[in-house]
Amino acid sequence: MTTPIPGTPRPLWRVLLWSAVTLLAYYGYYKWVIQDELRRYTGRGWSGAMCLLPFLVGVTVPPLLAWLDPDVPTEFAGLAGLGIVWIYIVQFRLYCTVNRLYREAGLPAPLVVWWLFIPGLNLVVGFRQIHFLSQYWAMKQNTSLVDPLAKALPILFATLVLMLTMVFGTPAAFAQPASPVLAVGGLFSFSGDRPTLGVTDGLLAPCPTSPNCVSSQSRDGKHRIEPLDLVGTPAETLAQLQAIIADLPRAEVVEATDTYLYAEFTSALMGFVDDVEFYLDPAAKVIQVRSASRLGESDLGVNRKRVETIRKKLNGFSLAG
């Protein structure tokens, strides 16, 4: 059986730069070629020609005929809307395909497909599609692709959401939130899907290639962090960890056993979720820890800082004892 050939990673900054320089001509090329790459890789879907030609014909021919031929009713130019409808269908299918590829790889789906139909958010989900498809191709080629623009995306998202809130107001469902921050974060949550985590053969899940993860079981310096020391008995240590997490803002324990603790931490503004795991390692007599962001590329050091904060609090319990 022939091994599928992955597409070419194209970072967001490059796509946006060349699209601006070529007055969107490169963007049309990009949309065409990624459809062909996805069709070649998955063995299904529409070609670039199938996706783009109906759109181009739809938005150009009706207005052109209405302009050139006075006998053509002016209303005929309105049929150009069919081209717009077609490209929305193409985009919807594209976003669903990217999400499916991530799920089949055991990763959370990165795109909120219905954002396609919301002015402003359709731009955000379009940026995210470019970034995450590029990251997927890089992963399939066993390469690491750092996109400096993607690191700034959480800031761009926050700015966009606040602008939308100021312009359109807050929906009635969020008319009386606990705070304005929660209103924005609740409406435009970047939580992503909960991944399948846990301990397999004494090991937590490995970190992805992106820098937004730390693990005490990682072997590379970018992701490596020291495990937590026991404070008292193993049971006492896990109990202390659970108490520490309960006191931290926007933290929720998802699973707790005699040897394993899993919690979610949610950012205040945008609802980004980080998954944090603690595993009692009986052989090493330490608590192995892993903290990883579900979405994005860079975490600006948040996961490492969180683990060190928890370590400091845990050691404080030890000194108090």
Protein backbone atom coordinates (compact mmCIF):
# COMPACT_ATOMS: atom_id res chain seq x y z
CA MET A 1 0.00 0.00 0.00
CA THR A 2 1.38 3.41 -1.00
CA THR A 3 2.18 5.75 1.91
CA PRO A 4 0.17 8.99 1.62
CA ILE A 5 2.31 12.00 0.77
CA PRO A 6 1.72 14.90 3.17
CA GLY A 7 1.34 18.43 1.90
CA THR A 8 3.78 21.30 2.25
CA PRO A 9 3.81 23.20 5.57
CA ARG A 10 3.03 26.85 4.85
CA PRO A 11 3.25 29.01 7.98
CA LEU A 12 0.64 31.67 8.56
CA TRP A 13 3.07 34.59 8.30
CA ARG A 14 4.16 33.45 4.83
CA VAL A 15 0.63 32.98 3.51
CA LEU A 16 -0.46 36.41 4.77
CA LEU A 17 2.68 38.17 3.54
CA TRP A 18 2.53 36.77 0.01
CA SER A 19 -1.23 37.27 -0.15
CA ALA A 20 -0.75 40.96 0.65
CA VAL A 21 2.15 41.39 -1.80
CA THR A 22 0.23 39.72 -4.66
CA LEU A 23 -3.12 41.36 -3.89
CA LEU A 24 -4.61 38.00 -2.84
CA ALA A 25 -3.44 36.12 -5.94
CA TYR A 26 -1.22 33.92 -3.76
CA TYR A 27 -4.15 33.25 -1.44
CA GLY A 28 -6.14 31.91 -4.38
CA TYR A 29 -3.18 29.69 -5.30
CA TYR A 30 -2.92 28.55 -1.68
CA LYS A 31 -6.60 27.58 -1.53
CA TRP A 32 -6.27 25.69 -4.81
CA VAL A 33 -3.13 23.73 -3.90
CA ILE A 34 -4.15 22.71 -0.37
CA GLN A 35 -7.33 21.15 -1.73
CA ASP A 36 -5.24 19.08 -4.15
CA GLU A 37 -2.83 18.11 -1.36
CA LEU A 38 -5.64 17.05 0.97
CA ARG A 39 -7.31 15.03 -1.79
CA ARG A 40 -4.02 13.30 -2.59
CA TYR A 41 -3.31 12.60 1.08
CA THR A 42 -6.77 11.42 2.18
CA GLY A 43 -7.89 9.85 -1.10
CA ARG A 44 -11.15 11.78 -1.02
CA GLY A 45 -12.54 15.30 -1.27
CA TRP A 46 -12.67 17.91 -4.00
CA SER A 47 -9.82 19.08 -6.20
CA GLY A 48 -8.60 22.67 -6.24
CA ALA A 49 -10.32 23.22 -9.59
CA MET A 50 -13.62 21.89 -8.25
CA CYS A 51 -13.39 24.22 -5.27
CA LEU A 52 -12.24 27.43 -6.92
CA LEU A 53 -13.52 27.50 -10.51
CA PRO A 54 -17.27 27.57 -9.65
CA PHE A 55 -16.55 30.43 -7.24
CA LEU A 56 -14.59 32.41 -9.83
CA VAL A 57 -17.23 31.84 -12.53
CA GLY A 58 -20.04 32.64 -10.13
CA VAL A 59 -18.67 35.98 -8.94
CA THR A 60 -17.43 37.24 -12.32
CA VAL A 61 -19.72 36.05 -15.13
CA PRO A 62 -23.14 37.34 -13.97
CA PRO A 63 -21.95 40.90 -13.19
CA LEU A 64 -19.90 40.97 -16.40
CA LEU A 65 -22.86 39.92 -18.57
CA ALA A 66 -25.13 42.41 -16.88
CA TRP A 67 -22.60 45.15 -17.62
CA LEU A 68 -21.84 44.18 -21.22
CA ASP A 69 -25.35 43.36 -22.44
CA PRO A 70 -28.06 45.95 -21.74
CA ASP A 71 -30.74 43.33 -22.43
CA VAL A 72 -29.62 41.30 -19.44
CA PRO A 73 -31.73 42.21 -16.40
CA THR A 74 -29.78 44.07 -13.75
CA GLU A 75 -30.99 41.56 -11.19
CA PHE A 76 -28.96 38.90 -13.05
CA ALA A 77 -25.82 40.32 -11.44
CA GLY A 78 -27.24 39.14 -8.11
CA LEU A 79 -26.49 35.57 -9.14
CA ALA A 80 -22.91 36.33 -8.17
CA GLY A 81 -24.12 35.49 -4.68
CA LEU A 82 -24.14 31.85 -5.72
CA GLY A 83 -20.35 32.02 -6.02
CA ILE A 84 -20.15 33.33 -2.47
CA VAL A 85 -22.40 30.52 -1.24
CA TRP A 86 -20.18 28.00 -3.01
CA ILE A 87 -16.98 29.24 -1.37
CA TYR A 88 -18.67 29.03 2.04
CA ILE A 89 -19.49 25.39 1.32
CA VAL A 90 -15.86 24.79 0.30
CA GLN A 91 -14.55 26.46 3.47
CA PHE A 92 -16.94 24.47 5.64
CA ARG A 93 -15.72 21.21 4.13
CA LEU A 94 -12.09 22.31 4.51
CA TYR A 95 -12.44 23.10 8.20
CA CYS A 96 -14.21 19.81 8.84
CA THR A 97 -11.39 17.98 7.01
CA VAL A 98 -8.68 19.63 9.13
CA ASN A 99 -10.57 18.74 12.30
CA ARG A 100 -10.98 15.15 11.13
CA LEU A 101 -7.26 14.80 10.44
CA TYR A 102 -6.45 15.98 13.95
CA ARG A 103 -8.99 13.62 15.53
CA GLU A 104 -7.67 10.67 13.52
CA ALA A 105 -4.19 11.53 14.83
CA GLY A 106 -5.51 11.39 18.41
CA LEU A 107 -5.37 15.17 18.80
CA PRO A 108 -8.12 17.66 19.69
CA ALA A 109 -9.89 19.32 16.77
CA PRO A 110 -8.46 22.86 16.51
CA LEU A 111 -11.20 24.66 14.56
CA VAL A 112 -14.64 25.91 15.59
CA VAL A 113 -16.34 25.39 12.25
CA TRP A 114 -19.43 27.54 12.85
CA TRP A 115 -17.24 30.62 13.26
CA LEU A 116 -17.18 30.61 9.47
CA PHE A 117 -20.62 32.26 9.52
CA ILE A 118 -19.83 35.00 12.08
CA PRO A 119 -18.31 38.25 10.73
CA GLY A 120 -14.91 38.76 12.33
CA LEU A 121 -14.66 35.25 13.70
CA ASN A 122 -14.62 33.89 10.15
CA LEU A 123 -11.29 35.69 9.78
CA VAL A 124 -9.99 34.13 12.99
CA VAL A 125 -10.97 30.58 12.04
CA GLY A 126 -9.45 31.15 8.61
CA PHE A 127 -6.12 32.10 10.22
CA ARG A 128 -6.35 29.07 12.48
CA GLN A 129 -6.99 26.76 9.52
CA ILE A 130 -3.83 27.99 7.80
CA HIS A 131 -1.78 27.55 10.95
CA PHE A 132 -3.04 24.16 12.06
CA LEU A 133 -2.98 22.59 8.61
CA SER A 134 0.64 23.74 8.31
CA GLN A 135 1.41 22.25 11.73
CA TYR A 136 -0.26 18.98 10.74
CA TRP A 137 1.85 18.65 7.60
CA ALA A 138 4.99 19.43 9.63
CA MET A 139 4.03 16.76 12.16
CA LYS A 140 3.54 14.19 9.41
CA GLN A 141 6.98 15.03 8.03
CA ASN A 142 8.54 14.74 11.52
CA THR A 143 9.70 18.35 11.42
CA SER A 144 9.21 21.25 13.80
CA LEU A 145 7.72 24.41 12.33
CA VAL A 146 7.81 27.55 14.46
CA ASP A 147 5.51 30.31 13.26
CA PRO A 148 6.30 33.61 15.04
CA LEU A 149 2.97 35.11 14.00
CA ALA A 150 1.04 32.21 15.51
CA LYS A 151 2.61 32.99 18.90
CA ALA A 152 0.83 36.35 18.82
CA LEU A 153 -2.54 34.85 17.87
CA PRO A 154 -3.96 34.67 21.41
CA ILE A 155 -3.38 38.43 21.66
CA LEU A 156 -4.97 39.00 18.26
CA PHE A 157 -7.96 36.86 19.27
CA ALA A 158 -8.44 38.78 22.52
CA THR A 159 -8.35 42.12 20.67
CA LEU A 160 -10.86 40.91 18.09
CA VAL A 161 -13.29 39.59 20.69
CA LEU A 162 -13.21 42.82 22.69
CA MET A 163 -13.83 44.82 19.50
CA LEU A 164 -16.80 42.63 18.56
CA THR A 165 -18.23 43.01 22.04
CA MET A 166 -17.93 46.78 21.93
CA VAL A 167 -19.48 47.03 18.44
CA PHE A 168 -22.28 44.46 18.67
CA GLY A 169 -22.83 44.29 22.40
CA THR A 170 -23.06 41.21 24.58
CA PRO A 171 -25.77 38.66 23.74
CA ALA A 172 -28.67 38.31 26.16
CA ALA A 173 -27.39 34.94 27.37
CA PHE A 174 -24.43 36.81 28.83
CA ALA A 175 -26.23 39.98 29.87
CA GLN A 176 -25.49 39.50 33.57
CA PRO A 177 -22.22 37.59 33.83
CA ALA A 178 -20.12 37.30 36.94
CA SER A 179 -17.65 39.66 35.25
CA PRO A 180 -17.02 41.19 31.80
CA VAL A 181 -14.00 38.93 31.44
CA LEU A 182 -16.14 35.83 31.94
CA ALA A 183 -18.70 37.17 29.46
CA VAL A 184 -16.14 37.46 26.69
CA GLY A 185 -14.35 34.26 27.60
CA GLY A 186 -17.58 32.30 27.83
CA LEU A 187 -18.84 33.46 24.46
CA PHE A 188 -15.63 32.91 22.53
CA SER A 189 -14.04 29.97 24.28
CA PHE A 190 -10.84 28.45 22.93
CA SER A 191 -11.12 25.35 25.10
CA GLY A 192 -10.64 22.77 22.36
CA ASP A 193 -11.61 19.11 22.79
CA ARG A 194 -10.48 17.25 25.89
CA PRO A 195 -7.63 14.95 24.84
CA THR A 196 -7.26 11.31 25.81
CA LEU A 197 -4.68 11.35 28.59
CA GLY A 198 -3.55 9.11 31.43
CA VAL A 199 -0.68 6.77 32.26
CA THR A 200 0.46 3.99 29.93
CA ASP A 201 3.19 1.62 31.13
CA GLY A 202 4.26 4.14 33.74
CA LEU A 203 4.46 7.02 31.26
CA LEU A 204 2.40 10.16 30.78
CA ALA A 205 1.63 11.24 27.21
CA PRO A 206 4.66 12.69 25.40
CA CYS A 207 4.80 16.42 24.69
CA PRO A 208 4.08 17.56 21.13
CA THR A 209 6.78 19.30 19.12
CA SER A 210 5.35 22.72 20.00
CA PRO A 211 6.89 24.50 23.02
CA ASN A 212 3.61 24.84 24.93
CA CYS A 213 4.15 21.72 27.05
CA VAL A 214 6.41 20.61 29.90
CA SER A 215 6.87 17.10 31.26
CA SER A 216 9.12 15.56 33.90
CA GLN A 217 9.40 12.49 31.67
CA SER A 218 10.55 14.43 28.60
CA ARG A 219 14.14 13.91 27.48
CA ASP A 220 14.65 17.17 25.61
CA GLY A 221 15.53 20.41 27.35
CA LYS A 222 12.74 22.42 25.73
CA HIS A 223 10.04 20.35 27.41
CA ARG A 224 11.89 18.90 30.41
CA ILE A 225 10.93 19.89 33.94
CA GLU A 226 11.89 18.28 37.23
CA PRO A 227 9.35 15.96 38.94
CA LEU A 228 7.77 16.90 42.26
CA ASP A 229 9.14 15.52 45.50
CA LEU A 230 6.94 13.61 47.89
CA VAL A 231 5.83 15.44 51.04
CA GLY A 232 5.03 12.78 53.59
CA THR A 233 3.38 9.65 52.27
CA PRO A 234 2.27 9.31 48.63
CA ALA A 235 -1.37 9.59 49.67
CA GLU A 236 -0.63 12.77 51.65
CA THR A 237 1.22 14.26 48.68
CA LEU A 238 -1.65 13.69 46.26
CA ALA A 239 -4.09 15.07 48.82
CA GLN A 240 -1.96 18.20 49.18
CA LEU A 241 -1.80 18.58 45.41
CA GLN A 242 -5.57 18.34 45.18
CA ALA A 243 -5.90 21.02 47.87
CA ILE A 244 -3.43 23.29 46.06
CA ILE A 245 -5.30 22.93 42.77
CA ALA A 246 -8.60 23.71 44.49
CA ASP A 247 -7.15 27.05 45.66
CA LEU A 248 -5.80 28.06 42.25
CA PRO A 249 -8.00 30.25 40.02
CA ARG A 250 -10.02 28.65 37.21
CA ALA A 251 -8.74 25.15 38.02
CA GLU A 252 -10.88 22.02 38.12
CA VAL A 253 -9.94 18.46 39.04
CA VAL A 254 -11.23 16.11 36.33
CA GLU A 255 -9.94 12.78 37.64
CA ALA A 256 -8.34 11.66 40.89
CA THR A 257 -7.20 8.16 41.89
CA ASP A 258 -4.71 6.74 44.37
CA THR A 259 -1.85 7.29 41.90
CA TYR A 260 -3.07 9.85 39.36
CA LEU A 261 -4.48 13.37 39.33
CA TYR A 262 -5.75 15.24 36.27
CA ALA A 263 -6.85 18.88 36.30
CA GLU A 264 -7.86 21.53 33.78
CA PHE A 265 -6.75 25.16 34.01
CA THR A 266 -8.71 27.76 32.02
CA SER A 267 -7.38 31.19 31.06
CA ALA A 268 -9.41 34.17 32.23
CA LEU A 269 -10.08 36.05 29.01
CA MET A 270 -10.23 33.61 26.11
CA GLY A 271 -11.00 30.30 27.77
CA PHE A 272 -7.80 28.54 26.66
CA VAL A 273 -7.50 25.24 28.53
CA ASP A 274 -4.30 23.58 29.76
CA ASP A 275 -4.28 19.94 30.83
CA VAL A 276 -2.17 19.17 33.91
CA GLU A 277 -1.41 15.63 35.12
CA PHE A 278 0.34 14.24 38.19
CA TYR A 279 1.41 10.62 38.42
CA LEU A 280 2.76 8.88 41.51
CA ASP A 281 5.84 7.05 40.23
CA PRO A 282 6.45 4.20 42.72
CA ALA A 283 9.81 3.25 41.21
CA ALA A 284 11.32 6.75 41.27
CA LYS A 285 9.41 7.76 44.44
CA VAL A 286 8.44 11.11 42.92
CA ILE A 287 5.38 12.75 41.35
CA GLN A 288 5.75 12.88 37.57
CA VAL A 289 4.05 15.95 36.12
CA ARG A 290 2.90 17.07 32.68
CA SER A 291 1.30 20.42 31.80
CA ALA A 292 0.28 21.17 28.21
CA SER A 293 -1.83 23.67 26.29
CA ARG A 294 -4.52 22.16 24.08
CA LEU A 295 -4.31 24.78 21.34
CA GLY A 296 -1.79 27.17 19.87
CA GLU A 297 1.97 27.10 19.46
CA SER A 298 3.55 29.05 22.31
CA ASP A 299 2.31 29.40 25.88
CA LEU A 300 4.75 32.19 26.82
CA GLY A 301 6.06 29.94 29.58
CA VAL A 302 2.71 29.58 31.36
CA ASN A 303 2.84 25.80 31.78
CA ARG A 304 6.36 25.85 33.24
CA LYS A 305 5.49 28.69 35.61
CA ARG A 306 2.38 26.85 36.76
CA VAL A 307 4.29 23.70 37.65
CA GLU A 308 6.91 25.72 39.53
CA THR A 309 4.16 27.55 41.43
CA ILE A 310 2.61 24.23 42.43
CA ARG A 311 6.05 22.91 43.41
CA LYS A 312 6.64 25.93 45.65
CA LYS A 313 3.27 25.54 47.34
CA LEU A 314 3.81 21.81 47.80
CA ASN A 315 7.24 22.35 49.35
CA GLY A 316 5.62 24.92 51.61
CA PHE A 317 3.33 22.22 52.96
CA SER A 318 6.42 20.11 53.65
CA LEU A 319 8.13 22.90 55.59
CA ALA A 320 4.96 23.63 57.53
CA GLY A 321 4.74 19.99 58.49
